[in-house]
């Protein structure tokens, strides 16, 4: 089956025939976040739970890999061989959950109006549920933002800050990790890293990216393990260079500005 063609035709049909406003819906990232997809309007589409599940099933068949199947299993909570049968069950469970959690008497209703700030200057005022529908950030992650006002998720937080301030804070966090010796010193592979915001390119090893404050050790390790094009901490790997024999014990010295 040509899963990519089916996926594109499916999205086109749902754009032209969106779900009813009275139905339960979820926001779907057309290009998944684990592939670098953002929260912009053109990358989001409102789908019913069944269609959302079906979209992720198609993505799993198109791209394969750990992230694609993990997203699907998290939605279905069932073994992989049962995924095709889980679509209706997921939709039913999602509607039952929504029905039991809406209305003034629901235990988790929070009608507080929050001001959510984006690092690019956008502002949204509304409840956490309204913000989830607006931004496409799932409600669990919105709850994290509400609990920790300085937490930035998907570029949003309750604390107003610029992108430059956010990047400076991330750089300081990377430096703290480097000083605590959380540095991958045994990886001798050089990679070409590209900053998705500025376009800057650097050819370096993991240790340099961490010591220079560009990546946390966790993000650096993720980029080394995941497929090329995946974005972590604003950076992605566009090329892997075969390691060269060396007796130098300080990998951070090996860096070339791209």
Protein backbone atom coordinates (compact mmCIF):
# COMPACT_ATOMS: atom_id res chain seq x y z
CA UNK A 1 0.00 0.00 0.00
CA UNK A 2 1.22 3.53 -0.80
CA UNK A 3 0.86 4.84 2.74
CA UNK A 4 2.27 8.29 1.92
CA UNK A 5 -0.32 8.87 -0.80
CA UNK A 6 -3.10 7.59 1.46
CA UNK A 7 -1.92 9.92 4.25
CA UNK A 8 -1.90 13.01 1.99
CA UNK A 9 -5.31 12.16 0.50
CA UNK A 10 -6.68 11.55 3.98
CA UNK A 11 -5.48 14.95 5.26
CA UNK A 12 -6.82 16.71 2.18
CA UNK A 13 -10.25 15.14 2.74
CA UNK A 14 -10.29 16.14 6.41
CA UNK A 15 -9.30 19.72 5.53
CA UNK A 16 -12.25 19.91 3.18
CA UNK A 17 -14.58 18.03 5.55
CA UNK A 18 -13.61 18.99 9.13
CA UNK A 19 -15.30 17.28 12.09
CA UNK A 20 -18.46 18.74 13.56
CA UNK A 21 -17.92 21.42 16.20
CA UNK A 22 -19.98 19.42 18.69
CA UNK A 23 -17.77 16.32 18.38
CA UNK A 24 -14.68 15.52 20.46
CA UNK A 25 -11.56 16.48 18.53
CA UNK A 26 -7.79 16.42 18.92
CA UNK A 27 -5.01 18.45 17.30
CA UNK A 28 -2.76 16.45 14.98
CA UNK A 29 0.75 17.50 13.84
CA UNK A 30 0.95 16.78 10.13
CA UNK A 31 4.74 16.65 10.36
CA UNK A 32 5.34 15.02 13.78
CA UNK A 33 7.31 16.84 16.43
CA UNK A 34 9.92 14.08 16.47
CA UNK A 35 10.62 14.95 12.82
CA UNK A 36 10.95 18.65 13.57
CA UNK A 37 7.32 19.64 12.96
CA UNK A 38 6.24 22.82 14.73
CA UNK A 39 3.06 24.15 16.30
CA UNK A 40 2.29 26.58 13.49
CA UNK A 41 -1.18 26.74 11.96
CA UNK A 42 -0.20 25.04 8.69
CA UNK A 43 1.16 21.99 10.52
CA UNK A 44 -1.94 21.42 12.67
CA UNK A 45 -5.27 19.85 11.75
CA UNK A 46 -8.30 19.10 13.94
CA UNK A 47 -9.31 15.41 13.80
CA UNK A 48 -11.70 13.09 15.58
CA UNK A 49 -10.00 10.58 17.93
CA UNK A 50 -10.49 7.78 15.39
CA UNK A 51 -8.99 9.86 12.59
CA UNK A 52 -6.14 11.02 14.83
CA UNK A 53 -5.31 7.42 15.61
CA UNK A 54 -5.54 6.47 11.92
CA UNK A 55 -3.20 9.35 10.98
CA UNK A 56 -0.55 8.08 13.40
CA UNK A 57 -1.01 4.53 12.10
CA UNK A 58 -0.23 5.80 8.59
CA UNK A 59 2.78 7.78 9.85
CA UNK A 60 4.11 4.67 11.57
CA UNK A 61 3.88 2.72 8.32
CA UNK A 62 5.45 5.56 6.31
CA UNK A 63 8.43 6.35 8.55
CA UNK A 64 8.71 3.40 10.90
CA UNK A 65 11.16 3.68 13.75
CA UNK A 66 10.90 3.98 17.49
CA UNK A 67 9.19 7.37 17.73
CA UNK A 68 6.46 6.62 15.20
CA UNK A 69 5.39 3.35 16.79
CA UNK A 70 5.77 4.70 20.32
CA UNK A 71 3.29 7.50 19.59
CA UNK A 72 0.79 4.97 18.31
CA UNK A 73 1.22 2.58 21.23
CA UNK A 74 0.76 5.44 23.71
CA UNK A 75 -2.58 6.20 22.05
CA UNK A 76 -3.76 2.60 21.95
CA UNK A 77 -2.08 1.03 25.01
CA UNK A 78 -2.08 -2.33 23.29
CA UNK A 79 0.45 -4.66 21.63
CA UNK A 80 1.48 -3.77 18.10
CA UNK A 81 -0.34 -6.69 16.47
CA UNK A 82 -3.66 -5.33 17.80
CA UNK A 83 -3.22 -1.78 16.51
CA UNK A 84 -5.58 -2.13 13.56
CA UNK A 85 -8.40 -3.17 15.89
CA UNK A 86 -7.73 -0.40 18.39
CA UNK A 87 -8.96 2.53 16.29
CA UNK A 88 -12.62 2.25 17.30
CA UNK A 89 -11.75 1.35 20.87
CA UNK A 90 -9.55 4.42 21.21
CA UNK A 91 -12.28 6.67 19.80
CA UNK A 92 -14.88 5.22 22.18
CA UNK A 93 -12.59 5.55 25.20
CA UNK A 94 -11.62 9.10 24.27
CA UNK A 95 -15.29 10.16 23.98
CA UNK A 96 -16.19 8.45 27.28
CA UNK A 97 -13.30 10.23 28.98
CA UNK A 98 -14.32 13.60 27.49
CA UNK A 99 -17.94 13.10 28.53
CA UNK A 100 -16.92 12.35 32.11
CA UNK A 101 -14.64 15.37 32.33
CA UNK A 102 -16.72 18.19 30.94
CA UNK A 103 -19.28 20.44 32.54
CA UNK A 104 -19.24 22.58 35.65
CA UNK A 105 -19.29 19.55 37.92
CA UNK A 106 -16.17 17.87 36.55
CA UNK A 107 -13.49 17.40 39.17
CA UNK A 108 -10.64 18.70 37.04
CA UNK A 109 -12.29 21.83 35.62
CA UNK A 110 -10.03 24.85 35.98
CA UNK A 111 -11.73 28.05 34.81
CA UNK A 112 -8.76 30.25 35.68
CA UNK A 113 -7.74 32.60 32.86
CA UNK A 114 -4.01 32.36 32.25
CA UNK A 115 -1.78 34.47 30.02
CA UNK A 116 0.46 32.23 27.94
CA UNK A 117 3.46 33.95 26.33
CA UNK A 118 5.40 32.67 23.33
CA UNK A 119 9.10 33.39 22.98
CA UNK A 120 8.37 34.93 19.57
CA UNK A 121 6.00 37.48 21.12
CA UNK A 122 2.55 35.85 20.74
CA UNK A 123 0.08 36.07 23.63
CA UNK A 124 -2.93 33.88 24.42
CA UNK A 125 -5.30 34.49 27.33
CA UNK A 126 -7.70 31.72 28.31
CA UNK A 127 -8.17 28.56 30.33
CA UNK A 128 -5.63 25.77 30.13
CA UNK A 129 -8.06 23.69 28.01
CA UNK A 130 -8.67 26.56 25.60
CA UNK A 131 -4.94 27.06 25.32
CA UNK A 132 -4.41 23.36 24.60
CA UNK A 133 -6.90 23.52 21.72
CA UNK A 134 -5.33 26.75 20.44
CA UNK A 135 -1.68 25.68 20.58
CA UNK A 136 -1.96 21.96 19.90
CA UNK A 137 0.06 21.22 23.05
CA UNK A 138 -1.50 18.27 24.85
CA UNK A 139 -3.18 18.99 28.19
CA UNK A 140 -0.62 17.12 30.29
CA UNK A 141 2.14 19.41 29.00
CA UNK A 142 -0.08 22.47 29.51
CA UNK A 143 -0.46 21.38 33.13
CA UNK A 144 3.34 21.33 33.43
CA UNK A 145 3.43 24.94 32.19
CA UNK A 146 0.79 25.99 34.74
CA UNK A 147 2.60 24.27 37.62
CA UNK A 148 5.96 25.81 36.73
CA UNK A 149 5.56 29.37 35.44
CA UNK A 150 9.12 29.48 34.11
CA UNK A 151 8.84 26.22 32.18
CA UNK A 152 8.93 26.59 28.38
CA UNK A 153 7.06 24.00 26.33
CA UNK A 154 6.59 24.35 22.60
CA UNK A 155 7.90 27.90 22.93
CA UNK A 156 5.15 28.84 25.45
CA UNK A 157 5.30 29.69 29.14
CA UNK A 158 3.54 31.82 31.75
CA UNK A 159 6.68 33.95 32.07
CA UNK A 160 7.20 36.54 29.35
CA UNK A 161 10.61 36.16 27.74
CA UNK A 162 12.21 36.72 24.35
CA UNK A 163 13.76 34.01 22.23
CA UNK A 164 17.18 35.45 23.03
CA UNK A 165 16.50 35.25 26.76
CA UNK A 166 15.25 31.68 26.37
CA UNK A 167 18.35 30.63 24.40
CA UNK A 168 20.59 32.30 27.00
CA UNK A 169 18.84 30.34 29.75
CA UNK A 170 19.24 27.10 27.80
CA UNK A 171 22.92 27.87 27.23
CA UNK A 172 23.42 28.41 30.97
CA UNK A 173 21.72 25.08 31.66
CA UNK A 174 24.04 23.36 29.18
CA UNK A 175 27.05 24.94 30.85
CA UNK A 176 25.93 23.71 34.28
CA UNK A 177 25.60 20.19 32.89
CA UNK A 178 29.07 20.44 31.35
CA UNK A 179 30.60 21.63 34.63
CA UNK A 180 28.98 18.71 36.44
CA UNK A 181 30.88 16.39 34.05
CA UNK A 182 27.71 15.18 32.34
CA UNK A 183 29.61 15.13 29.05
CA UNK A 184 29.67 12.25 26.54
CA UNK A 185 33.48 11.95 26.21
CA UNK A 186 33.58 8.50 24.61
CA UNK A 187 31.84 9.38 21.36
CA UNK A 188 34.52 9.98 18.74
CA UNK A 189 32.10 10.45 15.82
CA UNK A 190 31.96 13.88 14.23
CA UNK A 191 28.60 15.17 13.07
CA UNK A 192 27.43 18.22 11.17
CA UNK A 193 24.94 20.04 13.44
CA UNK A 194 22.56 22.67 12.06
CA UNK A 195 20.63 25.24 14.09
CA UNK A 196 17.07 25.25 12.74
CA UNK A 197 16.53 28.88 13.76
CA UNK A 198 19.74 30.62 12.71
CA UNK A 199 21.01 28.19 10.07
CA UNK A 200 24.42 27.99 11.81
CA UNK A 201 26.35 24.81 11.02
CA UNK A 202 29.05 23.24 13.17
CA UNK A 203 31.07 20.08 12.59
CA UNK A 204 31.90 18.66 16.01
CA UNK A 205 31.66 15.79 18.45
CA UNK A 206 29.04 15.47 21.16
CA UNK A 207 31.37 16.69 23.89
CA UNK A 208 32.00 20.02 22.14
CA UNK A 209 28.29 20.70 21.65
CA UNK A 210 27.72 20.17 25.39
CA UNK A 211 30.82 22.01 26.64
CA UNK A 212 30.10 24.98 24.39
CA UNK A 213 26.60 25.32 25.88
CA UNK A 214 24.76 24.56 22.65
CA UNK A 215 23.13 21.28 23.76
CA UNK A 216 22.36 19.48 26.97
CA UNK A 217 23.99 16.07 27.35
CA UNK A 218 20.58 14.44 27.00
CA UNK A 219 19.73 16.24 23.75
CA UNK A 220 23.20 15.54 22.40
CA UNK A 221 22.80 11.83 23.09
CA UNK A 222 19.33 11.81 21.53
CA UNK A 223 20.63 13.38 18.33
CA UNK A 224 23.34 10.72 18.17
CA UNK A 225 20.78 7.90 18.50
CA UNK A 226 17.79 9.18 16.50
CA UNK A 227 17.42 9.52 12.75
CA UNK A 228 18.92 12.52 11.00
CA UNK A 229 16.58 15.49 10.76
CA UNK A 230 15.21 15.05 14.28
CA UNK A 231 15.34 18.34 16.21
CA UNK A 232 16.52 18.56 19.81
CA UNK A 233 17.28 21.83 21.57
CA UNK A 234 16.98 23.73 18.30
CA UNK A 235 19.67 21.61 16.58
CA UNK A 236 19.59 18.70 14.18
CA UNK A 237 22.19 16.41 12.63
CA UNK A 238 22.49 16.72 8.85
CA UNK A 239 25.58 14.58 8.28
CA UNK A 240 27.65 11.98 10.13
CA UNK A 241 31.39 11.91 9.48
CA UNK A 242 33.29 8.63 9.98
CA UNK A 243 35.58 8.80 13.03
CA UNK A 244 39.29 9.26 12.42
CA UNK A 245 41.92 7.45 14.54
CA UNK A 246 43.34 9.73 17.21
CA UNK A 247 45.25 9.46 20.45
CA UNK A 248 43.96 12.77 21.76
CA UNK A 249 41.96 12.34 24.95
CA UNK A 250 40.06 15.61 24.64
CA UNK A 251 37.32 15.22 21.99
CA UNK A 252 36.17 18.79 22.54
CA UNK A 253 39.23 20.09 20.69
CA UNK A 254 38.01 18.62 17.44
CA UNK A 255 35.62 21.18 16.03
CA UNK A 256 35.38 22.96 12.73
CA UNK A 257 33.03 25.89 12.12
CA UNK A 258 30.73 25.13 9.19
